[in-house]
Amino acid sequence: MKFYILPIFGAIFALLLCSCSSFEVTKSVDQALAHVEEGIEYHDRAYMEKRDLRVPNGVDEKNLGELKFNFAFKQGTEVEDGEAAATNWNRFTKNEWNAFRREFENAVGGTKRFPIAQMLYGLADDELRRKSNNGVANVKELDPSALKESAGIFHITPLRTNSFNLAKKEKRSNYTLKLVVNPLAADNNSPLDEIQPFSVQIGCEVNQLTDRAGRVIAGLRLSDRSKRDEFNIKLSRAVIVQFLNKMYNLFPTGGAIVNYEDGQFVLRGSRATGIQPNMEFVVYAMRKGNPDAMRVAICNATAESVGQTGNTTLTIWRKSEKVNAKKIMRHIEADFSSALDEYDIYACSDGFAQWPDFIDRSTSDSGN
């Protein structure tokens, strides 16, 4: 037996070494958030190549451009800035709440898809409960002036959580930021027909070493005000990208196709209507004059040239092999003007292809 005991102990010892070596102390905010984008599902070329060529669900031609939605927030200030805030990440301080709202406002403005968007604030938690019915807030209690042109309100409740596991002196802390989103019709107290309530969430792990009393002796210290602010801003931006990406999934952007030449379409739409660089599009056609006509996906194309205003150039990289789609594509290639007499042709994209360039990754403009 003794000839087998040593190898077994050796294997156990090696396993323990491996488990110990897997713990890496988190030294910076960037290291803590190095993998935060992995929680965002970009609809880039690689993503589209794995999918069948089809028109995204929920496409509505009247919503391909600007969206007349407002955004309402639950009041988020729950603790005062100071010593208590350093150890209570689950609640927003006044400065943190204001910083989050500022980041959200800047991002929504940057999309250009929400031309009349207004941010509605001030619903305290107890007030929200009184105004809710099965999770739906009473929009009649919101500012009527903000609803005149609005097609809907997205009521957003940001939530933060922190949990940790301490094994000997190794502390693994998980931080999450979640947006609970309640879509409401602007003119009554009912959910939007197009979409049910949803949530988006971003999280990360921070590893620290502690002493016997549990005090941190090595690793990123979020009790440091500047580190905490940097951490909050970058995590906020990631969850906002997640939220906007979801909105683009639910309400695809795009517009009418107005020209074709040599494998490229011209789309009536630009950054001014919410289109972003490198977005992936599905070009589809509908028989003109028939409101019940099928949408026929004819190709995939990438936004190659996106102006601030005007039009966008789409370059085809995959064509449909379906008989009806091939027939339409041949018609377009032979005589685009004639094809437009027979079909309405559109392009739509149902998500970001990459981190949007209107949301900064730095913290130089974060403020306090």
Protein backbone atom coordinates (compact mmCIF):
# COMPACT_ATOMS: atom_id res chain seq x y z
CA MET A 1 0.00 0.00 0.00
CA LYS A 2 2.76 2.46 0.74
CA PHE A 3 3.72 2.54 -2.92
CA TYR A 4 0.31 4.04 -3.75
CA ILE A 5 -0.06 6.47 -0.85
CA LEU A 6 2.71 8.81 -1.95
CA PRO A 7 1.37 9.26 -5.51
CA ILE A 8 -2.11 9.92 -4.12
CA PHE A 9 -0.79 12.54 -1.68
CA GLY A 10 1.24 14.02 -4.51
CA ALA A 11 -1.84 14.35 -6.69
CA ILE A 12 -3.79 15.99 -3.87
CA PHE A 13 -0.94 18.40 -3.18
CA ALA A 14 -0.73 19.32 -6.87
CA LEU A 15 -4.47 19.91 -6.96
CA LEU A 16 -4.24 22.22 -3.97
CA LEU A 17 -1.44 24.16 -5.64
CA CYS A 18 -3.55 24.57 -8.77
CA SER A 19 -6.55 25.80 -6.80
CA CYS A 20 -4.38 28.28 -4.93
CA SER A 21 -2.73 29.59 -8.07
CA SER A 22 -6.15 30.30 -9.66
CA PHE A 23 -6.70 33.15 -7.21
CA GLU A 24 -5.35 36.40 -8.64
CA VAL A 25 -5.61 39.63 -6.68
CA THR A 26 -7.48 42.38 -8.53
CA LYS A 27 -5.14 45.36 -8.69
CA SER A 28 -7.09 47.96 -10.72
CA VAL A 29 -10.52 48.99 -11.93
CA ASP A 30 -9.58 48.11 -15.51
CA GLN A 31 -8.57 44.61 -14.39
CA ALA A 32 -11.84 44.18 -12.49
CA LEU A 33 -13.85 45.17 -15.57
CA ALA A 34 -11.64 43.50 -18.18
CA HIS A 35 -14.37 41.03 -19.10
CA VAL A 36 -17.42 43.23 -18.61
CA GLU A 37 -18.20 43.42 -22.35
CA GLU A 38 -18.55 39.64 -22.46
CA GLY A 39 -22.03 40.19 -21.03
CA ILE A 40 -23.07 42.21 -24.09
CA GLU A 41 -24.24 40.25 -27.14
CA TYR A 42 -23.11 42.26 -30.15
CA HIS A 43 -24.81 41.56 -33.47
CA ASP A 44 -21.66 41.84 -35.54
CA ARG A 45 -20.65 40.04 -38.74
CA ALA A 46 -19.55 36.89 -36.86
CA TYR A 47 -22.90 36.80 -35.03
CA MET A 48 -24.92 37.26 -38.22
CA GLU A 49 -22.96 34.59 -40.09
CA LYS A 50 -24.18 32.00 -37.57
CA ARG A 51 -27.82 32.98 -38.05
CA ASP A 52 -30.22 32.23 -40.85
CA LEU A 53 -30.86 35.13 -43.20
CA ARG A 54 -34.24 36.39 -42.02
CA VAL A 55 -36.07 39.58 -41.11
CA PRO A 56 -35.75 40.20 -37.35
CA ASN A 57 -38.82 39.70 -35.21
CA GLY A 58 -40.79 42.79 -34.32
CA VAL A 59 -39.82 44.87 -37.33
CA ASP A 60 -42.19 47.78 -37.88
CA GLU A 61 -41.34 50.16 -40.72
CA LYS A 62 -42.70 53.18 -38.86
CA ASN A 63 -40.23 52.51 -36.01
CA LEU A 64 -37.09 51.97 -38.08
CA GLY A 65 -35.89 55.53 -37.55
CA GLU A 66 -36.57 57.82 -34.61
CA LEU A 67 -38.38 56.47 -31.55
CA LYS A 68 -40.57 58.78 -29.51
CA PHE A 69 -39.98 57.28 -26.10
CA ASN A 70 -39.41 58.87 -22.72
CA PHE A 71 -37.51 57.41 -19.77
CA ALA A 72 -38.56 57.57 -16.13
CA PHE A 73 -36.40 56.67 -13.14
CA LYS A 74 -37.15 55.58 -9.64
CA GLN A 75 -35.49 57.93 -7.18
CA GLY A 76 -32.12 56.37 -6.40
CA THR A 77 -30.59 58.47 -3.63
CA GLU A 78 -30.68 56.26 -0.56
CA VAL A 79 -27.57 57.04 1.50
CA GLU A 80 -25.61 60.19 2.14
CA ASP A 81 -22.06 60.54 0.87
CA GLY A 82 -19.58 59.81 3.59
CA GLU A 83 -17.99 57.02 5.54
CA ALA A 84 -21.06 54.73 5.39
CA ALA A 85 -21.08 54.87 1.60
CA ALA A 86 -17.63 53.32 1.40
CA THR A 87 -18.93 49.98 2.69
CA ASN A 88 -22.49 50.03 1.32
CA TRP A 89 -22.27 49.45 -2.42
CA ASN A 90 -25.85 48.17 -2.65
CA ARG A 91 -27.19 51.71 -2.34
CA PHE A 92 -26.50 54.80 -4.41
CA THR A 93 -25.17 57.94 -2.82
CA LYS A 94 -26.43 61.27 -4.10
CA ASN A 95 -23.27 61.82 -6.17
CA GLU A 96 -23.37 58.28 -7.58
CA TRP A 97 -27.04 58.60 -8.52
CA ASN A 98 -26.49 61.92 -10.26
CA ALA A 99 -23.48 60.50 -12.11
CA PHE A 100 -25.51 57.51 -13.32
CA ARG A 101 -28.34 59.71 -14.55
CA ARG A 102 -25.86 61.94 -16.36
CA GLU A 103 -24.27 58.94 -18.08
CA PHE A 104 -27.69 57.62 -19.11
CA GLU A 105 -28.83 60.98 -20.48
CA ASN A 106 -25.63 61.40 -22.48
CA ALA A 107 -25.93 57.90 -23.95
CA VAL A 108 -29.59 58.27 -24.92
CA GLY A 109 -28.79 61.58 -26.58
CA GLY A 110 -25.84 59.99 -28.36
CA THR A 111 -27.96 57.35 -30.07
CA LYS A 112 -29.99 60.05 -31.87
CA ARG A 113 -32.95 57.65 -31.90
CA PHE A 114 -34.94 59.42 -29.20
CA PRO A 115 -35.52 62.99 -30.45
CA ILE A 116 -38.01 64.02 -27.76
CA ALA A 117 -36.74 61.86 -24.92
CA GLN A 118 -37.12 63.40 -21.49
CA MET A 119 -35.88 62.03 -18.20
CA LEU A 120 -38.54 61.88 -15.50
CA TYR A 121 -37.42 61.65 -11.86
CA GLY A 122 -38.64 61.80 -8.32
CA LEU A 123 -40.69 58.66 -7.78
CA ALA A 124 -39.74 57.57 -4.27
CA ASP A 125 -39.99 53.88 -3.47
CA ASP A 126 -43.13 54.06 -1.33
CA GLU A 127 -44.84 56.35 -3.87
CA LEU A 128 -43.98 53.92 -6.66
CA ARG A 129 -45.59 51.05 -4.74
CA ARG A 130 -48.80 53.04 -4.25
CA LYS A 131 -48.89 53.95 -7.93
CA SER A 132 -48.24 50.42 -9.13
CA ASN A 133 -50.70 47.79 -10.23
CA ASN A 134 -49.18 44.40 -10.95
CA GLY A 135 -45.81 46.01 -11.49
CA VAL A 136 -47.02 48.77 -13.80
CA ALA A 137 -46.62 52.36 -12.64
CA ASN A 138 -49.49 54.78 -13.23
CA VAL A 139 -48.27 57.05 -16.01
CA LYS A 140 -51.04 59.54 -15.24
CA GLU A 141 -48.97 60.59 -12.23
CA LEU A 142 -46.01 61.56 -14.43
CA ASP A 143 -45.50 64.97 -16.02
CA PRO A 144 -48.23 65.37 -18.70
CA SER A 145 -46.11 67.82 -20.70
CA ALA A 146 -43.57 65.06 -21.29
CA LEU A 147 -46.21 62.78 -22.81
CA LYS A 148 -47.60 64.97 -25.58
CA GLU A 149 -45.58 63.39 -28.38
CA SER A 150 -44.39 60.27 -26.63
CA ALA A 151 -45.29 56.79 -27.88
CA GLY A 152 -44.20 55.21 -24.62
CA ILE A 153 -42.30 55.49 -21.36
CA PHE A 154 -39.62 53.11 -20.16
CA HIS A 155 -39.62 53.16 -16.37
CA ILE A 156 -36.17 52.12 -15.15
CA THR A 157 -35.12 51.05 -11.67
CA PRO A 158 -31.33 50.65 -11.24
CA LEU A 159 -30.33 48.07 -8.62
CA ARG A 160 -26.87 47.24 -7.27
CA THR A 161 -25.86 44.12 -5.39
CA ASN A 162 -22.64 42.90 -3.81
CA SER A 163 -21.94 39.41 -2.48
CA PHE A 164 -18.65 37.85 -1.40
CA ASN A 165 -17.03 34.57 -0.48
CA LEU A 166 -14.15 34.45 1.99
CA ALA A 167 -11.97 31.34 2.08
CA LYS A 168 -9.11 31.71 4.55
CA LYS A 169 -7.62 35.05 3.48
CA GLU A 170 -8.94 35.06 -0.09
CA LYS A 171 -11.99 37.26 -0.64
CA ARG A 172 -13.94 37.05 -3.91
CA SER A 173 -16.55 39.81 -4.25
CA ASN A 174 -19.19 39.89 -7.01
CA TYR A 175 -20.58 43.30 -7.97
CA THR A 176 -23.63 43.64 -10.21
CA LEU A 177 -25.57 46.55 -11.68
CA LYS A 178 -29.06 45.72 -12.95
CA LEU A 179 -31.70 47.80 -14.75
CA VAL A 180 -35.28 46.64 -14.25
CA VAL A 181 -37.27 48.08 -17.15
CA ASN A 182 -41.04 48.51 -17.20
CA PRO A 183 -42.36 49.66 -20.63
CA LEU A 184 -45.56 51.73 -20.42
CA ALA A 185 -47.99 53.18 -22.92
CA ALA A 186 -47.84 56.98 -22.79
CA ASP A 187 -51.57 57.61 -22.85
CA ASN A 188 -52.91 55.06 -20.35
CA ASN A 189 -51.96 52.71 -17.56
CA SER A 190 -51.08 49.65 -19.65
CA PRO A 191 -47.89 47.91 -20.85
CA LEU A 192 -46.67 48.65 -24.35
CA ASP A 193 -48.13 46.19 -26.82
CA GLU A 194 -44.74 45.64 -28.45
CA ILE A 195 -42.82 44.48 -25.40
CA GLN A 196 -43.04 42.97 -21.94
CA PRO A 197 -41.02 44.16 -18.91
CA PHE A 198 -37.38 43.11 -19.02
CA SER A 199 -34.07 43.60 -17.24
CA VAL A 200 -30.41 43.82 -18.19
CA GLN A 201 -27.44 43.17 -15.91
CA ILE A 202 -23.66 43.57 -15.86
CA GLY A 203 -21.37 42.08 -13.24
CA CYS A 204 -17.72 41.58 -12.33
CA GLU A 205 -15.51 40.01 -9.66
CA VAL A 206 -12.99 41.70 -7.39
CA ASN A 207 -10.40 39.52 -5.59
CA GLN A 208 -8.65 40.73 -2.43
CA LEU A 209 -6.43 39.36 0.32
CA THR A 210 -7.46 39.99 3.93
CA ASP A 211 -5.90 39.66 7.35
CA ARG A 212 -7.30 37.46 10.12
CA ALA A 213 -9.75 40.19 11.09
CA GLY A 214 -11.12 40.38 7.52
CA ARG A 215 -9.50 43.74 6.69
CA VAL A 216 -8.27 44.12 3.10
CA ILE A 217 -4.48 44.06 2.92
CA ALA A 218 -4.02 43.65 -0.86
CA GLY A 219 -6.14 44.30 -3.93
CA LEU A 220 -8.44 46.97 -5.35
CA ARG A 221 -9.98 49.04 -2.54
CA LEU A 222 -13.39 50.41 -3.54
CA SER A 223 -13.49 52.31 -0.26
CA ASP A 224 -11.12 54.70 -2.06
CA ARG A 225 -13.46 57.42 -3.39
CA SER A 226 -11.65 57.91 -6.70
CA LYS A 227 -11.47 54.15 -7.38
CA ARG A 228 -15.11 53.71 -6.45
CA ASP A 229 -16.20 56.55 -8.75
CA GLU A 230 -14.16 55.13 -11.64
CA PHE A 231 -15.61 51.67 -11.01
CA ASN A 232 -19.18 53.01 -10.89
CA ILE A 233 -18.86 55.02 -14.10
CA LYS A 234 -17.37 52.19 -16.14
CA LEU A 235 -19.86 49.64 -14.85
CA SER A 236 -22.70 52.10 -15.52
CA ARG A 237 -21.58 52.61 -19.09
CA ALA A 238 -21.45 48.87 -19.68
CA VAL A 239 -25.01 48.29 -18.42
CA ILE A 240 -26.24 51.29 -20.45
CA VAL A 241 -24.72 49.75 -23.59
CA GLN A 242 -26.49 46.52 -22.62
CA PHE A 243 -29.79 48.41 -22.27
CA LEU A 244 -29.48 50.30 -25.57
CA ASN A 245 -28.41 47.13 -27.36
CA LYS A 246 -31.59 45.49 -26.02
CA MET A 247 -33.65 48.44 -27.24
CA TYR A 248 -32.14 48.08 -30.71
CA ASN A 249 -32.99 44.35 -30.60
CA LEU A 250 -36.59 45.13 -29.72
CA PHE A 251 -36.94 48.07 -32.07
CA PRO A 252 -34.61 47.50 -35.06
CA THR A 253 -33.18 50.59 -36.71
CA GLY A 254 -32.90 51.19 -40.44
CA GLY A 255 -35.00 52.71 -43.18
CA ALA A 256 -36.02 52.63 -46.82
CA ILE A 257 -33.60 51.57 -49.56
CA VAL A 258 -33.40 54.34 -52.17
CA ASN A 259 -30.71 53.12 -54.58
CA TYR A 260 -28.59 50.14 -55.65
CA GLU A 261 -25.36 49.83 -57.62
CA ASP A 262 -22.57 47.23 -57.88
CA GLY A 263 -23.37 45.24 -54.76
CA GLN A 264 -24.19 48.23 -52.59
CA PHE A 265 -27.50 49.63 -51.36
CA VAL A 266 -28.17 53.20 -50.31
CA LEU A 267 -30.25 53.41 -47.13
CA ARG A 268 -32.19 56.54 -46.23
CA GLY A 269 -30.86 56.98 -42.72
CA SER A 270 -27.77 58.10 -40.83
CA ARG A 271 -26.42 58.78 -37.35
CA ALA A 272 -29.22 61.34 -37.05
CA THR A 273 -31.73 58.47 -37.07
CA GLY A 274 -29.76 56.12 -34.83
CA ILE A 275 -27.58 54.15 -37.27
CA GLN A 276 -24.10 53.34 -36.00
CA PRO A 277 -20.88 52.44 -37.89
CA ASN A 278 -20.38 48.79 -38.91
CA MET A 279 -23.93 47.81 -38.08
CA GLU A 280 -25.13 44.64 -39.79
CA PHE A 281 -28.36 44.90 -41.78
CA VAL A 282 -30.93 42.63 -43.34
CA VAL A 283 -32.28 44.02 -46.61
CA TYR A 284 -35.82 42.88 -47.33
CA ALA A 285 -38.64 43.57 -49.78
CA MET A 286 -42.44 43.70 -49.61
CA ARG A 287 -44.78 43.72 -52.58
CA LYS A 288 -46.01 47.31 -53.00
CA GLY A 289 -49.64 48.13 -52.28
CA ASN A 290 -50.31 45.03 -50.17
CA PRO A 291 -50.41 45.80 -46.42
CA ASP A 292 -50.40 42.07 -45.66
CA ALA A 293 -47.48 41.25 -47.94
CA MET A 294 -44.72 38.97 -46.65
CA ARG A 295 -41.36 40.54 -45.82
CA VAL A 296 -38.82 38.67 -47.93
CA ALA A 297 -35.20 38.80 -46.67
CA ILE A 298 -32.93 39.12 -49.71
CA CYS A 299 -29.44 39.76 -48.31
CA ASN A 300 -27.15 40.73 -45.43
CA ALA A 301 -25.15 43.94 -45.71
CA THR A 302 -22.76 46.01 -43.59
CA ALA A 303 -22.97 49.78 -42.98
CA GLU A 304 -19.73 50.92 -44.65
CA SER A 305 -20.28 54.67 -44.76
CA VAL A 306 -22.47 56.41 -42.19
CA GLY A 307 -22.84 60.19 -42.30
CA GLN A 308 -24.10 62.49 -39.57
CA THR A 309 -27.10 63.17 -41.81
CA GLY A 310 -28.36 61.95 -45.16
CA ASN A 311 -27.83 58.36 -46.29
CA THR A 312 -25.86 55.23 -45.42
CA THR A 313 -24.06 52.89 -47.82
CA LEU A 314 -24.59 49.15 -47.24
CA THR A 315 -22.25 46.56 -48.78
CA ILE A 316 -23.74 43.12 -49.47
CA TRP A 317 -21.84 40.10 -48.11
CA ARG A 318 -24.49 37.35 -48.25
CA LYS A 319 -27.51 36.78 -50.52
CA SER A 320 -30.49 34.58 -49.81
CA GLU A 321 -30.69 31.26 -51.63
CA LYS A 322 -34.49 31.15 -51.48
CA VAL A 323 -36.27 31.21 -54.84
CA ASN A 324 -38.45 34.26 -54.20
CA ALA A 325 -35.55 36.26 -52.73
CA LYS A 326 -33.27 35.41 -55.68
CA LYS A 327 -36.00 36.53 -58.09
CA ILE A 328 -36.31 39.90 -56.33
CA MET A 329 -32.52 40.35 -56.19
CA ARG A 330 -32.19 39.68 -59.93
CA HIS A 331 -34.88 42.30 -60.56
CA ILE A 332 -33.00 44.83 -58.40
CA GLU A 333 -29.70 44.14 -60.15
CA ALA A 334 -31.28 44.40 -63.60
CA ASP A 335 -33.35 47.55 -63.02
CA PHE A 336 -33.58 49.06 -59.55
CA SER A 337 -36.16 51.71 -60.53
CA SER A 338 -38.43 49.03 -61.97
CA ALA A 339 -37.98 46.94 -58.80
CA LEU A 340 -39.07 49.93 -56.68
CA ASP A 341 -42.26 50.16 -58.74
CA GLU A 342 -43.09 46.61 -57.70
CA TYR A 343 -41.61 46.41 -54.17
CA ASP A 344 -41.03 48.47 -51.05
CA ILE A 345 -37.44 47.73 -50.04
CA TYR A 346 -36.08 48.28 -46.52
CA ALA A 347 -33.03 47.50 -44.41
CA CYS A 348 -33.03 46.88 -40.66
CA SER A 349 -30.45 46.12 -38.00
CA ASP A 350 -31.41 44.58 -34.65
CA GLY A 351 -28.47 45.44 -32.39
CA PHE A 352 -25.05 47.05 -32.03
CA ALA A 353 -22.13 45.47 -33.89
CA GLN A 354 -19.64 46.90 -31.39
CA TRP A 355 -19.32 49.18 -28.37
CA PRO A 356 -20.94 52.41 -29.64
CA ASP A 357 -18.54 55.28 -30.20
CA PHE A 358 -20.83 57.79 -28.46
CA ILE A 359 -20.24 56.12 -25.07
CA ASP A 360 -16.73 56.79 -23.77
CA ARG A 361 -14.70 54.04 -22.14
CA SER A 362 -12.60 56.54 -20.18
CA THR A 363 -13.59 58.37 -17.00
CA SER A 364 -12.11 61.76 -17.81
CA ASP A 365 -15.57 63.36 -18.04
CA SER A 366 -17.25 61.45 -15.22
CA GLY A 367 -17.37 64.31 -12.73
CA ASN A 368 -18.70 63.93 -9.20
